[in-house]
Amino acid sequence: MQEFIVDDKTAKKYTRRSWIAFIVFFLMIGAAFAGWKWLVNQPLDGGIRGGIQQPLRNVLSANEKIFSGVFSKSKLVKEYPKSAAAKNVRVNGDVGLDEDFFDASSWKLQIVRSKGDTLFLTLDDIKKLPKIDVIYNFKCIEGWSQVTWWSGVRFVDVMQHYGLTNEAQMKYVGMITPDEEYYVGIDMPSALHPQTILCYEMNGKPLPMNQGYPLRLIIPVKYGVKHIKRVGTISFENEKPKDYWAERGYDYYTGH
């Protein structure tokens, strides 16, 4: 068996490389620590809980510009047969679901037009529009997903039926629960996507209380945090409406 002998020149070469590697490693750790220290000391972008550091918000805003720039209404989210839909549907949050809310007969959807007047719609008014099913893989920002079956009316059909042409030209839609505890802001192209619905049924039955009875938003091009339950008021703006999770440091666009 041939013995492997390392001469002094080779040994010095490996030693020098090892020292260089250690030095680079510790320099990288130092740079990372300095970068982290700089970041945590940056001003926050605002919001109820302060939001997040402005440099991080700038990155999220840059991502939003990229994703919204390539967004297409003609690109549909994959749909599934009803047989693939979960029977036990997970609930992704309960903020805005006031426990005192039980009587749908007193509920009315308020749509605030751009000129300031308000349109009031009952659930029966909404049900008069064409009903569609959307069966797709609901994705939660917490990391889970589930194929679910929802039924209701296209948001774009509501806009067209009630002559909300001027409102459709605005950049954003704001939605708030009746108790004003939960609220979302959505870019208009996503709101007008053909799979975005105002939903009043789950698995062929009226929405359960914990899923947003009597009416919720289902918007398959967004993660679950944008799927506001128990919609009370809809408004239209050219500036970003307030958004519950964006105020707490999350991505405003929240598309996938």
C-alpha atoms as a PDB file:
ATOM      1  CA  MET A   1       0.000   0.000   0.000  1.00  0.00           C
ATOM      2  CA  GLN A   2       1.453   3.310  -1.098  1.00  0.00           C
ATOM      3  CA  GLU A   3       1.946   5.812   1.726  1.00  0.00           C
ATOM      4  CA  PHE A   4       0.642   9.345   1.099  1.00  0.00           C
ATOM      5  CA  ILE A   5       3.245  11.889   2.123  1.00  0.00           C
ATOM      6  CA  VAL A   6       2.494  15.611   2.388  1.00  0.00           C
ATOM      7  CA  ASP A   7       5.568  17.757   1.901  1.00  0.00           C
ATOM      8  CA  ASP A   8       6.085  21.044   3.731  1.00  0.00           C
ATOM      9  CA  LYS A   9       5.085  23.135   0.731  1.00  0.00           C
ATOM     10  CA  THR A  10       1.744  21.349   0.385  1.00  0.00           C
ATOM     11  CA  ALA A  11       1.080  21.517   4.122  1.00  0.00           C
ATOM     12  CA  LYS A  12       1.690  25.254   4.175  1.00  0.00           C
ATOM     13  CA  LYS A  13      -0.640  25.641   1.201  1.00  0.00           C
ATOM     14  CA  TYR A  14      -3.504  23.824   2.998  1.00  0.00           C
ATOM     15  CA  THR A  15      -2.834  25.727   6.214  1.00  0.00           C
ATOM     16  CA  ARG A  16      -2.991  29.050   4.371  1.00  0.00           C
ATOM     17  CA  ARG A  17      -6.258  28.081   2.682  1.00  0.00           C
ATOM     18  CA  SER A  18      -7.729  26.995   6.017  1.00  0.00           C
ATOM     19  CA  TRP A  19      -6.875  30.309   7.605  1.00  0.00           C
ATOM     20  CA  ILE A  20      -8.354  32.207   4.674  1.00  0.00           C
ATOM     21  CA  ALA A  21     -11.552  30.141   4.952  1.00  0.00           C
ATOM     22  CA  PHE A  22     -11.807  30.851   8.699  1.00  0.00           C
ATOM     23  CA  ILE A  23     -11.229  34.560   8.167  1.00  0.00           C
ATOM     24  CA  VAL A  24     -13.855  34.758   5.406  1.00  0.00           C
ATOM     25  CA  PHE A  25     -16.297  32.795   7.557  1.00  0.00           C
ATOM     26  CA  PHE A  26     -15.943  35.138  10.530  1.00  0.00           C
ATOM     27  CA  LEU A  27     -16.096  38.208   8.284  1.00  0.00           C
ATOM     28  CA  MET A  28     -19.378  36.918   6.872  1.00  0.00           C
ATOM     29  CA  ILE A  29     -20.751  36.374  10.382  1.00  0.00           C
ATOM     30  CA  GLY A  30     -19.707  39.898  11.310  1.00  0.00           C
ATOM     31  CA  ALA A  31     -21.311  41.351   8.186  1.00  0.00           C
ATOM     32  CA  ALA A  32     -24.522  39.416   8.850  1.00  0.00           C
ATOM     33  CA  PHE A  33     -24.640  40.638  12.449  1.00  0.00           C
ATOM     34  CA  ALA A  34     -23.968  44.229  11.390  1.00  0.00           C
ATOM     35  CA  GLY A  35     -26.688  43.964   8.730  1.00  0.00           C
ATOM     36  CA  TRP A  36     -29.166  42.538  11.232  1.00  0.00           C
ATOM     37  CA  LYS A  37     -28.342  45.254  13.769  1.00  0.00           C
ATOM     38  CA  TRP A  38     -28.809  47.923  11.098  1.00  0.00           C
ATOM     39  CA  LEU A  39     -32.131  46.437   9.971  1.00  0.00           C
ATOM     40  CA  VAL A  40     -33.721  46.143  13.420  1.00  0.00           C
ATOM     41  CA  ASN A  41     -32.896  49.793  14.100  1.00  0.00           C
ATOM     42  CA  GLN A  42     -34.616  51.030  10.951  1.00  0.00           C
ATOM     43  CA  PRO A  43     -37.933  52.921  11.334  1.00  0.00           C
ATOM     44  CA  LEU A  44     -41.138  50.903  11.049  1.00  0.00           C
ATOM     45  CA  ASP A  45     -43.622  51.538   8.264  1.00  0.00           C
ATOM     46  CA  GLY A  46     -46.545  52.208  10.623  1.00  0.00           C
ATOM     47  CA  GLY A  47     -49.726  50.327  11.441  1.00  0.00           C
ATOM     48  CA  ILE A  48     -51.501  49.320  14.622  1.00  0.00           C
ATOM     49  CA  ARG A  49     -48.579  47.175  15.752  1.00  0.00           C
ATOM     50  CA  GLY A  50     -45.897  49.313  14.145  1.00  0.00           C
ATOM     51  CA  GLY A  51     -45.649  47.227  10.987  1.00  0.00           C
ATOM     52  CA  ILE A  52     -42.204  46.128   9.832  1.00  0.00           C
ATOM     53  CA  GLN A  53     -38.898  47.824   9.097  1.00  0.00           C
ATOM     54  CA  GLN A  54     -39.167  50.055   6.056  1.00  0.00           C
ATOM     55  CA  PRO A  55     -36.423  48.243   4.055  1.00  0.00           C
ATOM     56  CA  LEU A  56     -38.385  44.990   4.400  1.00  0.00           C
ATOM     57  CA  ARG A  57     -41.585  46.756   3.309  1.00  0.00           C
ATOM     58  CA  ASN A  58     -39.699  48.131   0.288  1.00  0.00           C
ATOM     59  CA  VAL A  59     -38.771  44.564  -0.706  1.00  0.00           C
ATOM     60  CA  LEU A  60     -42.405  43.429  -0.352  1.00  0.00           C
ATOM     61  CA  SER A  61     -43.549  46.432  -2.431  1.00  0.00           C
ATOM     62  CA  ALA A  62     -41.021  45.553  -5.146  1.00  0.00           C
ATOM     63  CA  ASN A  63     -42.346  41.965  -5.187  1.00  0.00           C
ATOM     64  CA  GLU A  64     -45.884  43.344  -5.479  1.00  0.00           C
ATOM     65  CA  LYS A  65     -44.941  45.376  -8.553  1.00  0.00           C
ATOM     66  CA  ILE A  66     -43.405  42.317 -10.184  1.00  0.00           C
ATOM     67  CA  PHE A  67     -46.313  39.945  -9.472  1.00  0.00           C
ATOM     68  CA  SER A  68     -49.022  42.480 -10.310  1.00  0.00           C
ATOM     69  CA  GLY A  69     -47.187  43.286 -13.533  1.00  0.00           C
ATOM     70  CA  VAL A  70     -47.460  39.705 -14.778  1.00  0.00           C
ATOM     71  CA  PHE A  71     -50.981  39.092 -13.422  1.00  0.00           C
ATOM     72  CA  SER A  72     -53.520  37.954 -16.002  1.00  0.00           C
ATOM     73  CA  LYS A  73     -57.287  37.545 -15.614  1.00  0.00           C
ATOM     74  CA  SER A  74     -57.178  34.802 -18.215  1.00  0.00           C
ATOM     75  CA  LYS A  75     -54.889  32.634 -16.091  1.00  0.00           C
ATOM     76  CA  LEU A  76     -57.166  30.471 -13.974  1.00  0.00           C
ATOM     77  CA  VAL A  77     -56.380  28.637 -10.763  1.00  0.00           C
ATOM     78  CA  LYS A  78     -56.692  24.857 -11.148  1.00  0.00           C
ATOM     79  CA  GLU A  79     -60.130  23.529 -10.199  1.00  0.00           C
ATOM     80  CA  TYR A  80     -61.165  20.061  -9.024  1.00  0.00           C
ATOM     81  CA  PRO A  81     -64.274  17.831  -9.108  1.00  0.00           C
ATOM     82  CA  LYS A  82     -66.671  18.062  -6.156  1.00  0.00           C
ATOM     83  CA  SER A  83     -65.631  14.591  -5.064  1.00  0.00           C
ATOM     84  CA  ALA A  84     -62.146  15.925  -4.265  1.00  0.00           C
ATOM     85  CA  ALA A  85     -63.419  18.606  -1.879  1.00  0.00           C
ATOM     86  CA  ALA A  86     -62.775  18.194   1.852  1.00  0.00           C
ATOM     87  CA  LYS A  87     -65.784  17.328   3.995  1.00  0.00           C
ATOM     88  CA  ASN A  88     -64.246  18.851   7.130  1.00  0.00           C
ATOM     89  CA  VAL A  89     -63.101  22.283   6.030  1.00  0.00           C
ATOM     90  CA  ARG A  90     -60.398  24.000   8.058  1.00  0.00           C
ATOM     91  CA  VAL A  91     -60.985  27.502   9.429  1.00  0.00           C
ATOM     92  CA  ASN A  92     -58.230  30.034   8.878  1.00  0.00           C
ATOM     93  CA  GLY A  93     -58.957  32.576  11.597  1.00  0.00           C
ATOM     94  CA  ASP A  94     -61.962  34.036  13.384  1.00  0.00           C
ATOM     95  CA  VAL A  95     -61.209  37.771  13.665  1.00  0.00           C
ATOM     96  CA  GLY A  96     -64.311  39.767  12.731  1.00  0.00           C
ATOM     97  CA  LEU A  97     -66.768  36.963  13.446  1.00  0.00           C
ATOM     98  CA  ASP A  98     -68.787  38.620  16.207  1.00  0.00           C
ATOM     99  CA  GLU A  99     -70.430  35.889  18.278  1.00  0.00           C
ATOM    100  CA  ASP A 100     -73.597  38.002  18.645  1.00  0.00           C
ATOM    101  CA  PHE A 101     -74.261  37.743  14.890  1.00  0.00           C
ATOM    102  CA  PHE A 102     -76.979  35.168  14.232  1.00  0.00           C
ATOM    103  CA  ASP A 103     -79.785  36.765  12.226  1.00  0.00           C
ATOM    104  CA  ALA A 104     -79.046  37.048   8.508  1.00  0.00           C
ATOM    105  CA  SER A 105     -82.382  38.777   7.925  1.00  0.00           C
ATOM    106  CA  SER A 106     -80.965  41.943   9.483  1.00  0.00           C
ATOM    107  CA  TRP A 107     -77.708  41.728   7.536  1.00  0.00           C
ATOM    108  CA  LYS A 108     -77.215  43.782   4.377  1.00  0.00           C
ATOM    109  CA  LEU A 109     -74.140  44.148   2.240  1.00  0.00           C
ATOM    110  CA  GLN A 110     -73.200  47.813   1.935  1.00  0.00           C
ATOM    111  CA  ILE A 111     -71.445  48.872  -1.267  1.00  0.00           C
ATOM    112  CA  VAL A 112     -70.159  52.433  -1.093  1.00  0.00           C
ATOM    113  CA  ARG A 113     -70.134  53.939  -4.575  1.00  0.00           C
ATOM    114  CA  SER A 114     -67.403  56.345  -5.682  1.00  0.00           C
ATOM    115  CA  LYS A 115     -69.842  59.271  -5.593  1.00  0.00           C
ATOM    116  CA  GLY A 116     -70.503  58.654  -1.908  1.00  0.00           C
ATOM    117  CA  ASP A 117     -73.928  57.013  -1.860  1.00  0.00           C
ATOM    118  CA  THR A 118     -74.373  53.474  -0.584  1.00  0.00           C
ATOM    119  CA  LEU A 119     -76.039  50.486  -2.204  1.00  0.00           C
ATOM    120  CA  PHE A 120     -77.670  48.034   0.230  1.00  0.00           C
ATOM    121  CA  LEU A 121     -78.058  44.413  -0.874  1.00  0.00           C
ATOM    122  CA  THR A 122     -79.752  41.544   0.928  1.00  0.00           C
ATOM    123  CA  LEU A 123     -78.604  37.963   0.562  1.00  0.00           C
ATOM    124  CA  ASP A 124     -81.642  37.325  -1.658  1.00  0.00           C
ATOM    125  CA  ASP A 125     -80.545  40.182  -3.936  1.00  0.00           C
ATOM    126  CA  ILE A 126     -77.154  38.570  -4.316  1.00  0.00           C
ATOM    127  CA  LYS A 127     -78.617  35.117  -4.933  1.00  0.00           C
ATOM    128  CA  LYS A 128     -80.567  36.448  -7.927  1.00  0.00           C
ATOM    129  CA  LEU A 129     -77.309  36.680  -9.885  1.00  0.00           C
ATOM    130  CA  PRO A 130     -75.849  33.609 -11.655  1.00  0.00           C
ATOM    131  CA  LYS A 131     -74.439  31.104  -9.188  1.00  0.00           C
ATOM    132  CA  ILE A 132     -71.093  29.410  -9.794  1.00  0.00           C
ATOM    133  CA  ASP A 133     -69.007  26.800  -7.998  1.00  0.00           C
ATOM    134  CA  VAL A 134     -65.304  27.259  -7.313  1.00  0.00           C
ATOM    135  CA  ILE A 135     -63.514  24.091  -6.180  1.00  0.00           C
ATOM    136  CA  TYR A 136     -59.810  24.695  -5.749  1.00  0.00           C
ATOM    137  CA  ASN A 137     -56.847  24.248  -3.408  1.00  0.00           C
ATOM    138  CA  PHE A 138     -57.332  26.870  -0.677  1.00  0.00           C
ATOM    139  CA  LYS A 139     -53.885  27.995   0.531  1.00  0.00           C
ATOM    140  CA  CYS A 140     -53.245  29.405   3.984  1.00  0.00           C
ATOM    141  CA  ILE A 141     -50.232  31.588   4.699  1.00  0.00           C
ATOM    142  CA  GLU A 142     -49.582  29.348   7.734  1.00  0.00           C
ATOM    143  CA  GLY A 143     -48.403  26.654   5.328  1.00  0.00           C
ATOM    144  CA  TRP A 144     -51.381  24.334   4.880  1.00  0.00           C
ATOM    145  CA  SER A 145     -53.716  23.864   1.915  1.00  0.00           C
ATOM    146  CA  GLN A 146     -56.986  22.042   1.297  1.00  0.00           C
ATOM    147  CA  VAL A 147     -59.222  21.410  -1.699  1.00  0.00           C
ATOM    148  CA  THR A 148     -62.523  23.132  -0.882  1.00  0.00           C
ATOM    149  CA  TRP A 149     -65.880  23.704  -2.600  1.00  0.00           C
ATOM    150  CA  TRP A 150     -67.426  27.162  -2.504  1.00  0.00           C
ATOM    151  CA  SER A 151     -70.482  28.611  -4.264  1.00  0.00           C
ATOM    152  CA  GLY A 152     -71.679  32.143  -4.865  1.00  0.00           C
ATOM    153  CA  VAL A 153     -71.635  34.930  -7.432  1.00  0.00           C
ATOM    154  CA  ARG A 154     -68.717  36.389  -9.320  1.00  0.00           C
ATOM    155  CA  PHE A 155     -67.602  39.711  -7.899  1.00  0.00           C
ATOM    156  CA  VAL A 156     -67.300  41.012 -11.454  1.00  0.00           C
ATOM    157  CA  ASP A 157     -70.962  40.060 -12.081  1.00  0.00           C
ATOM    158  CA  VAL A 158     -72.036  42.125  -9.069  1.00  0.00           C
ATOM    159  CA  MET A 159     -70.028  45.074 -10.381  1.00  0.00           C
ATOM    160  CA  GLN A 160     -71.578  44.818 -13.831  1.00  0.00           C
ATOM    161  CA  HIS A 161     -75.146  44.128 -12.690  1.00  0.00           C
ATOM    162  CA  TYR A 162     -75.249  47.173 -10.424  1.00  0.00           C
ATOM    163  CA  GLY A 163     -73.533  49.514 -12.876  1.00  0.00           C
ATOM    164  CA  LEU A 164     -70.359  49.966 -10.896  1.00  0.00           C
ATOM    165  CA  THR A 165     -68.374  50.888 -13.995  1.00  0.00           C
ATOM    166  CA  ASN A 166     -66.568  53.880 -12.521  1.00  0.00           C
ATOM    167  CA  GLU A 167     -65.710  51.917  -9.403  1.00  0.00           C
ATOM    168  CA  ALA A 168     -64.183  49.119 -11.510  1.00  0.00           C
ATOM    169  CA  GLN A 169     -61.700  51.643 -12.904  1.00  0.00           C
ATOM    170  CA  MET A 170     -60.278  52.333  -9.455  1.00  0.00           C
ATOM    171  CA  LYS A 171     -57.145  50.577  -8.215  1.00  0.00           C
ATOM    172  CA  TYR A 172     -58.342  48.895  -5.035  1.00  0.00           C
ATOM    173  CA  VAL A 173     -61.297  47.316  -3.266  1.00  0.00           C
ATOM    174  CA  GLY A 174     -61.663  47.581   0.500  1.00  0.00           C
ATOM    175  CA  MET A 175     -63.789  45.129   2.504  1.00  0.00           C
ATOM    176  CA  ILE A 176     -64.709  45.288   6.208  1.00  0.00           C
ATOM    177  CA  THR A 177     -66.652  42.992   8.530  1.00  0.00           C
ATOM    178  CA  PRO A 178     -69.851  44.340  10.183  1.00  0.00           C
ATOM    179  CA  ASP A 179     -68.058  44.659  13.542  1.00  0.00           C
ATOM    180  CA  GLU A 180     -65.131  46.438  11.750  1.00  0.00           C
ATOM    181  CA  GLU A 181     -62.649  44.100  13.435  1.00  0.00           C
ATOM    182  CA  TYR A 182     -61.302  42.586  10.207  1.00  0.00           C
ATOM    183  CA  TYR A 183     -60.570  44.344   6.934  1.00  0.00           C
ATOM    184  CA  VAL A 184     -58.677  43.725   3.717  1.00  0.00           C
ATOM    185  CA  GLY A 185     -57.454  45.708   0.749  1.00  0.00           C
ATOM    186  CA  ILE A 186     -57.353  43.995  -2.645  1.00  0.00           C
ATOM    187  CA  ASP A 187     -55.998  45.148  -5.981  1.00  0.00           C
ATOM    188  CA  MET A 188     -58.801  45.597  -8.510  1.00  0.00           C
ATOM    189  CA  PRO A 189     -57.472  43.152 -11.159  1.00  0.00           C
ATOM    190  CA  SER A 190     -57.516  40.332  -8.577  1.00  0.00           C
ATOM    191  CA  ALA A 191     -60.989  41.332  -7.369  1.00  0.00           C
ATOM    192  CA  LEU A 192     -62.310  41.192 -10.944  1.00  0.00           C
ATOM    193  CA  HIS A 193     -60.696  37.834 -11.670  1.00  0.00           C
ATOM    194  CA  PRO A 194     -63.376  35.393 -12.970  1.00  0.00           C
ATOM    195  CA  GLN A 195     -62.817  32.992 -10.045  1.00  0.00           C
ATOM    196  CA  THR A 196     -63.266  35.646  -7.347  1.00  0.00           C
ATOM    197  CA  ILE A 197     -66.695  35.203  -5.776  1.00  0.00           C
ATOM    198  CA  LEU A 198     -68.911  36.554  -3.044  1.00  0.00           C
ATOM    199  CA  CYS A 199     -69.612  33.192  -1.485  1.00  0.00           C
ATOM    200  CA  TYR A 200     -72.728  32.092   0.427  1.00  0.00           C
ATOM    201  CA  GLU A 201     -72.393  28.290   0.317  1.00  0.00           C
ATOM    202  CA  MET A 202     -69.762  25.735   1.299  1.00  0.00           C
ATOM    203  CA  ASN A 203     -70.088  22.111   0.179  1.00  0.00           C
ATOM    204  CA  GLY A 204     -73.528  22.880  -1.258  1.00  0.00           C
ATOM    205  CA  LYS A 205     -74.938  24.244   2.024  1.00  0.00           C
ATOM    206  CA  PRO A 206     -75.201  27.728   3.593  1.00  0.00           C
ATOM    207  CA  LEU A 207     -71.939  28.934   5.084  1.00  0.00           C
ATOM    208  CA  PRO A 208     -71.384  27.871   8.694  1.00  0.00           C
ATOM    209  CA  MET A 209     -70.955  30.689  11.226  1.00  0.00           C
ATOM    210  CA  ASN A 210     -67.225  30.028  11.565  1.00  0.00           C
ATOM    211  CA  GLN A 211     -66.770  30.216   7.778  1.00  0.00           C
ATOM    212  CA  GLY A 212     -68.278  33.685   7.422  1.00  0.00           C
ATOM    213  CA  TYR A 213     -72.056  33.295   7.325  1.00  0.00           C
ATOM    214  CA  PRO A 214     -73.920  34.771   5.513  1.00  0.00           C
ATOM    215  CA  LEU A 215     -71.379  36.035   2.908  1.00  0.00           C
ATOM    216  CA  ARG A 216     -67.622  35.835   2.536  1.00  0.00           C
ATOM    217  CA  LEU A 217     -64.997  36.443  -0.104  1.00  0.00           C
ATOM    218  CA  ILE A 218     -63.302  33.615  -1.967  1.00  0.00           C
ATOM    219  CA  ILE A 219     -60.400  34.852  -4.089  1.00  0.00           C
ATOM    220  CA  PRO A 220     -58.316  31.886  -5.308  1.00  0.00           C
ATOM    221  CA  VAL A 221     -55.413  34.004  -6.578  1.00  0.00           C
ATOM    222  CA  LYS A 222     -54.675  35.109  -2.991  1.00  0.00           C
ATOM    223  CA  TYR A 223     -53.670  33.393   0.236  1.00  0.00           C
ATOM    224  CA  GLY A 224     -56.315  32.816   2.905  1.00  0.00           C
ATOM    225  CA  VAL A 225     -55.713  36.053   4.846  1.00  0.00           C
ATOM    226  CA  LYS A 226     -57.414  37.977   2.025  1.00  0.00           C
ATOM    227  CA  HIS A 227     -60.542  35.757   2.055  1.00  0.00           C
ATOM    228  CA  ILE A 228     -62.466  37.982   4.439  1.00  0.00           C
ATOM    229  CA  LYS A 229     -65.362  36.292   6.219  1.00  0.00           C
ATOM    230  CA  ARG A 230     -68.747  37.950   6.853  1.00  0.00           C
ATOM    231  CA  VAL A 231     -68.342  40.885   4.496  1.00  0.00           C
ATOM    232  CA  GLY A 232     -70.201  43.947   5.734  1.00  0.00           C
ATOM    233  CA  THR A 233     -69.003  46.873   3.627  1.00  0.00           C
ATOM    234  CA  ILE A 234     -67.279  47.165   0.246  1.00  0.00           C
ATOM    235  CA  SER A 235     -65.640  50.379  -0.937  1.00  0.00           C
ATOM    236  CA  PHE A 236     -63.372  51.466  -3.776  1.00  0.00           C
ATOM    237  CA  GLU A 237     -60.209  53.547  -3.632  1.00  0.00           C
ATOM    238  CA  ASN A 238     -57.181  54.597  -5.634  1.00  0.00           C
ATOM    239  CA  GLU A 239     -54.965  54.446  -2.555  1.00  0.00           C
ATOM    240  CA  LYS A 240     -54.416  51.208  -0.661  1.00  0.00           C
ATOM    241  CA  PRO A 241     -57.260  50.596   1.818  1.00  0.00           C
ATOM    242  CA  LYS A 242     -56.296  49.511   5.309  1.00  0.00           C
ATOM    243  CA  ASP A 243     -55.459  45.823   5.628  1.00  0.00           C
ATOM    244  CA  TYR A 244     -55.466  43.882   8.896  1.00  0.00           C
ATOM    245  CA  TRP A 245     -52.384  41.740   8.303  1.00  0.00           C
ATOM    246  CA  ALA A 246     -50.416  44.290   6.296  1.00  0.00           C
ATOM    247  CA  GLU A 247     -50.600  46.526   9.368  1.00  0.00           C
ATOM    248  CA  ARG A 248     -49.008  43.697  11.287  1.00  0.00           C
ATOM    249  CA  GLY A 249     -46.056  43.293   8.951  1.00  0.00           C
ATOM    250  CA  TYR A 250     -47.367  40.914   6.282  1.00  0.00           C
ATOM    251  CA  ASP A 251     -47.263  41.316   2.522  1.00  0.00           C
ATOM    252  CA  TYR A 252     -50.077  43.569   1.259  1.00  0.00           C
ATOM    253  CA  TYR A 253     -50.458  41.869  -2.140  1.00  0.00           C
ATOM    254  CA  THR A 254     -50.434  38.289  -0.764  1.00  0.00           C
ATOM    255  CA  GLY A 255     -50.814  36.605  -4.137  1.00  0.00           C
ATOM    256  CA  HIS A 256     -49.529  33.192  -5.166  1.00  0.00           C
END
